[in-house]
């Protein structure tokens, strides 16, 4: 599998379908094999997305343990050659995935980190 996308979330039910569709479009346009792992709450939304797309997986905690715990569990569970983390609030653009993937696979970076030059929140 090419890419695993880990999305830790808390109270983000409204943005998940939009984020899912955006990630799915980018993956299909670039012919990547992929999985999306949503972690924490909004379980009903995650289940609905899973029914729509077999590449969607989820981990549901009994309570909110925070972003660090979600990422830890996500890294332990994913199967992709390259792992990308994204926030669920639509501030991280899935359109950046191909360049992040290229930097890892073609330029030989072990880790790539980005930052927002402009925020829209």
C-alpha atoms as a PDB file:
ATOM      1  CA  UNK A   1       0.000   0.000   0.000  1.00  0.00           C
ATOM      2  CA  UNK A   2       1.359   3.424  -0.959  1.00  0.00           C
ATOM      3  CA  UNK A   3      -0.134   5.798   1.616  1.00  0.00           C
ATOM      4  CA  UNK A   4      -1.842   5.698   4.992  1.00  0.00           C
ATOM      5  CA  UNK A   5      -3.581   8.876   6.129  1.00  0.00           C
ATOM      6  CA  UNK A   6      -4.134   9.206   9.884  1.00  0.00           C
ATOM      7  CA  UNK A   7      -6.823  11.679  10.955  1.00  0.00           C
ATOM      8  CA  UNK A   8      -7.173  12.216  14.712  1.00  0.00           C
ATOM      9  CA  UNK A   9     -10.419  13.995  15.502  1.00  0.00           C
ATOM     10  CA  UNK A  10     -12.714  15.262  18.200  1.00  0.00           C
ATOM     11  CA  UNK A  11     -16.153  16.741  17.480  1.00  0.00           C
ATOM     12  CA  UNK A  12     -15.484  16.950  13.738  1.00  0.00           C
ATOM     13  CA  UNK A  13     -18.490  15.042  12.352  1.00  0.00           C
ATOM     14  CA  UNK A  14     -19.500  17.803   9.939  1.00  0.00           C
ATOM     15  CA  UNK A  15     -16.134  18.016   8.192  1.00  0.00           C
ATOM     16  CA  UNK A  16     -15.431  14.262   7.855  1.00  0.00           C
ATOM     17  CA  UNK A  17     -17.447  13.571   4.679  1.00  0.00           C
ATOM     18  CA  UNK A  18     -15.855  16.585   2.965  1.00  0.00           C
ATOM     19  CA  UNK A  19     -12.354  15.559   4.077  1.00  0.00           C
ATOM     20  CA  UNK A  20     -12.956  11.947   3.032  1.00  0.00           C
ATOM     21  CA  UNK A  21     -14.152  12.937  -0.431  1.00  0.00           C
ATOM     22  CA  UNK A  22     -11.203  15.319  -0.867  1.00  0.00           C
ATOM     23  CA  UNK A  23      -8.647  12.675   0.146  1.00  0.00           C
ATOM     24  CA  UNK A  24     -10.346  10.065  -2.037  1.00  0.00           C
ATOM     25  CA  UNK A  25     -10.249  12.382  -5.066  1.00  0.00           C
ATOM     26  CA  UNK A  26      -6.522  13.079  -4.606  1.00  0.00           C
ATOM     27  CA  UNK A  27      -5.728   9.379  -4.193  1.00  0.00           C
ATOM     28  CA  UNK A  28      -7.694   8.372  -7.275  1.00  0.00           C
ATOM     29  CA  UNK A  29      -6.253  11.160  -9.436  1.00  0.00           C
ATOM     30  CA  UNK A  30      -2.734  10.010  -8.514  1.00  0.00           C
ATOM     31  CA  UNK A  31      -3.486   6.256  -8.665  1.00  0.00           C
ATOM     32  CA  UNK A  32      -2.283   5.638  -5.106  1.00  0.00           C
ATOM     33  CA  UNK A  33      -3.242   2.617  -3.074  1.00  0.00           C
ATOM     34  CA  UNK A  34      -4.275   3.971   0.298  1.00  0.00           C
ATOM     35  CA  UNK A  35      -6.126   3.749   3.561  1.00  0.00           C
ATOM     36  CA  UNK A  36      -7.660   6.466   5.705  1.00  0.00           C
ATOM     37  CA  UNK A  37      -7.702   5.885   9.463  1.00  0.00           C
ATOM     38  CA  UNK A  38     -10.053   8.141  11.429  1.00  0.00           C
ATOM     39  CA  UNK A  39      -9.420   8.001  15.172  1.00  0.00           C
ATOM     40  CA  UNK A  40     -11.648   8.950  18.125  1.00  0.00           C
ATOM     41  CA  UNK A  41     -15.257  10.144  18.128  1.00  0.00           C
ATOM     42  CA  UNK A  42     -17.893  10.702  15.395  1.00  0.00           C
ATOM     43  CA  UNK A  43     -18.206   6.925  15.131  1.00  0.00           C
ATOM     44  CA  UNK A  44     -21.486   6.927  13.197  1.00  0.00           C
ATOM     45  CA  UNK A  45     -19.950   9.144  10.501  1.00  0.00           C
ATOM     46  CA  UNK A  46     -16.854   6.938  10.318  1.00  0.00           C
ATOM     47  CA  UNK A  47     -19.031   3.821   9.925  1.00  0.00           C
ATOM     48  CA  UNK A  48     -21.017   5.467   7.132  1.00  0.00           C
ATOM     49  CA  UNK A  49     -17.799   6.401   5.318  1.00  0.00           C
ATOM     50  CA  UNK A  50     -16.516   2.835   5.781  1.00  0.00           C
ATOM     51  CA  UNK A  51     -19.657   1.490   4.115  1.00  0.00           C
ATOM     52  CA  UNK A  52     -19.015   3.832   1.187  1.00  0.00           C
ATOM     53  CA  UNK A  53     -15.248   3.190   0.914  1.00  0.00           C
ATOM     54  CA  UNK A  54     -13.423  -0.001   1.964  1.00  0.00           C
ATOM     55  CA  UNK A  55     -10.206   2.032   2.343  1.00  0.00           C
ATOM     56  CA  UNK A  56     -11.658   3.770   5.416  1.00  0.00           C
ATOM     57  CA  UNK A  57     -10.894   2.390   8.877  1.00  0.00           C
ATOM     58  CA  UNK A  58     -11.531   3.722  12.350  1.00  0.00           C
ATOM     59  CA  UNK A  59     -10.461   3.448  15.945  1.00  0.00           C
ATOM     60  CA  UNK A  60     -12.944   4.584  18.570  1.00  0.00           C
ATOM     61  CA  UNK A  61     -11.731   5.412  22.076  1.00  0.00           C
ATOM     62  CA  UNK A  62     -14.075   5.147  25.061  1.00  0.00           C
ATOM     63  CA  UNK A  63     -13.321   8.795  25.835  1.00  0.00           C
ATOM     64  CA  UNK A  64     -11.136  11.577  24.489  1.00  0.00           C
ATOM     65  CA  UNK A  65      -7.508  10.706  25.253  1.00  0.00           C
ATOM     66  CA  UNK A  66      -6.129  13.503  23.076  1.00  0.00           C
ATOM     67  CA  UNK A  67      -4.330  13.894  19.784  1.00  0.00           C
ATOM     68  CA  UNK A  68      -1.064  12.276  20.910  1.00  0.00           C
ATOM     69  CA  UNK A  69      -2.776   9.040  21.931  1.00  0.00           C
ATOM     70  CA  UNK A  70      -4.758   9.013  18.675  1.00  0.00           C
ATOM     71  CA  UNK A  71      -1.596   9.442  16.601  1.00  0.00           C
ATOM     72  CA  UNK A  72       0.208   6.757  18.618  1.00  0.00           C
ATOM     73  CA  UNK A  73      -2.575   4.237  17.953  1.00  0.00           C
ATOM     74  CA  UNK A  74      -2.764   5.320  14.327  1.00  0.00           C
ATOM     75  CA  UNK A  75       0.941   4.780  13.685  1.00  0.00           C
ATOM     76  CA  UNK A  76       0.676   1.332  15.280  1.00  0.00           C
ATOM     77  CA  UNK A  77      -2.276   0.338  13.073  1.00  0.00           C
ATOM     78  CA  UNK A  78      -1.520   1.635   9.571  1.00  0.00           C
ATOM     79  CA  UNK A  79      -0.065  -0.413   6.723  1.00  0.00           C
ATOM     80  CA  UNK A  80       1.096   2.175   4.169  1.00  0.00           C
ATOM     81  CA  UNK A  81       4.663   2.697   3.014  1.00  0.00           C
ATOM     82  CA  UNK A  82       4.247   6.437   3.681  1.00  0.00           C
ATOM     83  CA  UNK A  83       2.172   7.789   6.563  1.00  0.00           C
ATOM     84  CA  UNK A  84       0.605  11.237   6.404  1.00  0.00           C
ATOM     85  CA  UNK A  85      -1.195  12.866   9.314  1.00  0.00           C
ATOM     86  CA  UNK A  86      -3.957  15.410   8.771  1.00  0.00           C
ATOM     87  CA  UNK A  87      -6.263  17.357  11.041  1.00  0.00           C
ATOM     88  CA  UNK A  88      -9.986  16.842  10.512  1.00  0.00           C
ATOM     89  CA  UNK A  89     -10.847  20.561  10.465  1.00  0.00           C
ATOM     90  CA  UNK A  90     -10.043  20.975   6.729  1.00  0.00           C
ATOM     91  CA  UNK A  91      -7.082  23.258   7.480  1.00  0.00           C
ATOM     92  CA  UNK A  92      -4.655  20.652   6.050  1.00  0.00           C
ATOM     93  CA  UNK A  93      -5.073  20.323   2.298  1.00  0.00           C
ATOM     94  CA  UNK A  94      -5.134  16.803   0.846  1.00  0.00           C
ATOM     95  CA  UNK A  95      -3.912  18.427  -2.379  1.00  0.00           C
ATOM     96  CA  UNK A  96      -0.468  18.519  -0.704  1.00  0.00           C
ATOM     97  CA  UNK A  97      -0.338  14.705  -0.436  1.00  0.00           C
ATOM     98  CA  UNK A  98       1.329  14.038  -3.823  1.00  0.00           C
ATOM     99  CA  UNK A  99       4.205  16.423  -3.058  1.00  0.00           C
ATOM    100  CA  UNK A 100       4.683  15.011   0.448  1.00  0.00           C
ATOM    101  CA  UNK A 101       4.683  11.495  -1.006  1.00  0.00           C
ATOM    102  CA  UNK A 102       7.171  12.492  -3.715  1.00  0.00           C
ATOM    103  CA  UNK A 103       9.542  14.028  -1.174  1.00  0.00           C
ATOM    104  CA  UNK A 104       9.626  10.761   0.766  1.00  0.00           C
ATOM    105  CA  UNK A 105       9.743   8.314  -2.140  1.00  0.00           C
ATOM    106  CA  UNK A 106      11.802  10.209  -4.729  1.00  0.00           C
ATOM    107  CA  UNK A 107      13.931  12.674  -2.775  1.00  0.00           C
ATOM    108  CA  UNK A 108      14.744  10.232   0.005  1.00  0.00           C
ATOM    109  CA  UNK A 109      13.515  12.222   2.997  1.00  0.00           C
ATOM    110  CA  UNK A 110      12.700  10.209   6.121  1.00  0.00           C
ATOM    111  CA  UNK A 111      10.319  12.837   7.469  1.00  0.00           C
ATOM    112  CA  UNK A 112       8.551  15.812   5.937  1.00  0.00           C
ATOM    113  CA  UNK A 113       6.805  18.461   8.023  1.00  0.00           C
ATOM    114  CA  UNK A 114       4.737  21.340   6.722  1.00  0.00           C
ATOM    115  CA  UNK A 115       3.295  24.476   8.232  1.00  0.00           C
ATOM    116  CA  UNK A 116       0.519  26.828   7.312  1.00  0.00           C
ATOM    117  CA  UNK A 117       1.672  30.097   5.818  1.00  0.00           C
ATOM    118  CA  UNK A 118      -1.903  31.422   5.924  1.00  0.00           C
ATOM    119  CA  UNK A 119      -4.593  30.209   8.277  1.00  0.00           C
ATOM    120  CA  UNK A 120      -8.281  30.539   7.526  1.00  0.00           C
ATOM    121  CA  UNK A 121      -9.777  30.011  10.982  1.00  0.00           C
END
